[in-house]
Amino acid sequence: MNAVFLEDLENIADSDIRWEKLRDKTVMVTGASGMIGTYAVGTLLHLNDTRHLGVKVLGVVRNAKKIPDDIRQHPDFQTVVHDVTQPFALEGGVDYIIHAASPASPLIMKDKPVETIAANTLGTFYTLALAKEKGAQGYLYISSREIYGQPSPDQEFFYEDTYGFVDPLNARSCYPEGKKAAETMCVSYRQEYGVNAAIARLAHTYGPFMSIDDGRVQADFLRNVLFGENIVLKSQGTAVRTYTYIADAMDGLFRVLLNGEDIVYNIGDENGKVSIRELAELLVGLRPEAHLRLVFDIPEGGTQGTAPFTAGILSSGRIRAIGWQPRYTVAQGFERTLQFLEIEREAGRIGTK
């Protein structure tokens, strides 16, 4: 197992989360081959290995080959090959569901808006229906900062009950509008059927197992540094985002599922605020021996497929009130991510380019 991943799992497992609620339970994780799903599954299996919790983990994926070998071969893990946009026919009990299956690439959102909104709406409907059928004790929906949309000019923070503007007639809104509809499904199932559904809205989350080919700026930058290429900016890089390292986000997700009492929580570190240009400069500086540079190549007409939102920071006050405390700064988190990628490349699990 990659040393960076293992250390992250150890830190998550050491958190003051009510892990005992999972003893001898069955937990289903959708999107189990993605970054969030891999960390959720890895955490559960690590708890079994170190605390002997006896959790049975069901990992729902469309392509079983994408699951890391360490996870796929674990005796407590069962692969479930299934498209979440279709109804489930699953034998046996399910006590907890973590619904993390969702397209995250802006390239997919741009080219396949129908598939994107279907994954977020139908996938949530069918997993909630399964939670109702199985009498699940807990259901966690992984939502996004994008549901808030564009804030008003004088608005710095998004709290869990404040919202901005999303244009429903922009095809790129397939992602935030799909997430919004999914959240409404969660509260509807909670009210009508008593499903214990909770929602976690993530800010920009990064770390090991993120794709470095999905078109997001942080992915492009990491790929550049990993392969010794200059970082090329297609804008002035003034847009500001908040970044949260995956291990910190995962601590928050399990805290919402097992410790939380509210239905919705923001998970994002306000201290992780950085502009796109500052992020590029930070990543170039992580490997000074490579002598990489930041280059500007701004096309006419701007870029397509990216979220139109330019501001709005998630307030983390609510989740901090139940004990969440992020461990890593932006610089530390991206250093860890780069270390992970370098180990994977050395092991032959990442190609040369």
Foldseek 3Di string as FASTA:
>chain_A
DQPLLVVLLVVLLPDPFPCLVQALAEEEEEPCLAPLNVSVQVNVVVCCVPVVSNYQYEYEAQDPVSHDPVRPPDPSYDYDRDQLLDADDDDDAHAEYEYDDADDFLVCLQPPLPVRLSCLASSLVRVLVNCLVRVHNEYEYEAAPCLQPAADPVDFADEPPHHDDDDPPPSSCSRNVSRVNSLVVQVVCCVPRVHHAAYEYEFAEDAPRHALPRPDLVSVLLVCLLLLHAAEDQDPQAFKGFYAYSSLVSSLRSCCGGVNDDRYFYDTDPQRIDTSVRLSVLSCVLCVVSVHYYHYDHDPPGDPSDRPYRHHHYDRVVSVVRPRDGDDHPSRRVNSRSSSVNVCVVVVNDDSD
